[in-house]
Protein backbone atom coordinates (compact mmCIF):
# COMPACT_ATOMS: atom_id res chain seq x y z
CA MET A 1 -10.73 -25.99 4.28
CA PRO A 2 -8.18 -29.42 4.68
CA ILE A 3 -4.95 -28.39 3.42
CA LYS A 4 -4.27 -29.64 -0.76
CA THR A 5 -0.93 -32.11 -0.53
CA ALA A 6 0.54 -34.10 -2.68
CA VAL A 7 3.08 -36.69 -1.99
CA PHE A 8 6.35 -37.05 -3.65
CA GLY A 9 7.74 -40.34 -3.48
CA ALA A 10 3.84 -41.58 -3.29
CA HIS A 11 5.02 -45.80 -3.03
CA GLY A 12 8.77 -45.13 -1.15
CA LYS A 13 7.88 -46.98 2.86
CA MET A 14 7.92 -43.26 4.06
CA GLY A 15 5.48 -42.35 1.87
CA GLN A 16 2.95 -45.03 2.23
CA ARG A 17 2.99 -44.12 5.70
CA LEU A 18 2.42 -40.79 4.97
CA CYS A 19 -0.26 -40.77 2.30
CA ALA A 20 -1.94 -43.99 4.56
CA GLN A 21 -2.52 -40.53 7.62
CA LEU A 22 -2.11 -37.77 5.11
CA LEU A 23 -5.91 -40.33 4.13
CA SER A 24 -6.87 -40.62 7.86
CA SER A 25 -6.71 -37.08 8.25
CA GLU A 26 -9.76 -34.10 8.14
CA ASP A 27 -7.16 -31.39 8.54
CA PHE A 28 -5.42 -32.67 4.97
CA GLU A 29 -7.06 -33.96 1.88
CA LEU A 30 -4.51 -35.99 -1.03
CA VAL A 31 -4.92 -34.91 -4.08
CA PHE A 32 -2.79 -36.80 -5.74
CA GLY A 33 1.20 -38.86 -4.98
CA VAL A 34 4.25 -38.75 -7.48
CA ASP A 35 6.60 -41.73 -8.19
CA ARG A 36 8.50 -43.52 -10.51
CA THR A 37 6.26 -46.24 -10.59
CA PRO A 38 2.91 -44.91 -10.92
CA LEU A 39 0.62 -47.74 -11.33
CA LYS A 40 3.08 -50.17 -8.74
CA ILE A 41 -0.19 -50.25 -5.93
CA ALA A 42 -3.57 -49.02 -6.14
CA HIS A 43 -4.42 -45.63 -4.42
CA ASP A 44 -8.12 -43.25 -3.81
CA PHE A 45 -6.14 -40.78 -5.29
CA PRO A 46 -4.29 -40.31 -8.17
CA VAL A 47 -0.34 -41.86 -9.33
CA TYR A 48 1.51 -39.97 -11.61
CA ASP A 49 5.64 -40.34 -13.10
CA ASP A 50 5.34 -36.35 -13.78
CA PRO A 51 3.50 -34.02 -10.93
CA HIS A 52 3.09 -31.18 -14.49
CA LEU A 53 0.44 -33.95 -15.18
CA TYR A 54 -1.69 -32.61 -12.31
CA GLU A 55 -4.16 -29.84 -13.23
CA GLY A 56 -5.80 -28.89 -10.03
CA ASP A 57 -4.66 -26.33 -6.84
CA LEU A 58 -2.19 -27.30 -4.77
CA ASP A 59 -1.32 -26.14 -2.02
CA LEU A 60 1.00 -28.11 0.16
CA ILE A 61 4.36 -29.74 -1.74
CA ILE A 62 5.90 -32.99 1.35
CA ASP A 63 8.36 -34.27 -0.65
CA PHE A 64 10.68 -38.00 0.08
CA SER A 65 11.45 -39.01 -3.20
CA HIS A 66 14.85 -40.60 -3.39
CA VAL A 67 17.90 -38.41 -4.60
CA SER A 68 18.94 -41.40 -7.28
CA ASN A 69 15.52 -40.26 -9.24
CA MET A 70 16.70 -37.26 -9.74
CA ASP A 71 16.76 -36.19 -13.92
CA LYS A 72 21.07 -36.31 -14.35
CA ASP A 73 20.74 -33.23 -16.59
């Protein structure tokens, strides 16, 4: 059974490469991505600006987001 995975920072340089690798893997299922600009790039998986919008099961989060995207609160 594939590992259900999310990628934070899905539209960054490393995030895009990671997503491509996950999509071609039989061991992982890329279920969603997170990025501050979710509509910037079209994908075969959903991309949200808030990870809480995803309502399914998840096994793994890989975070390639940039610290500048963190809330200041």
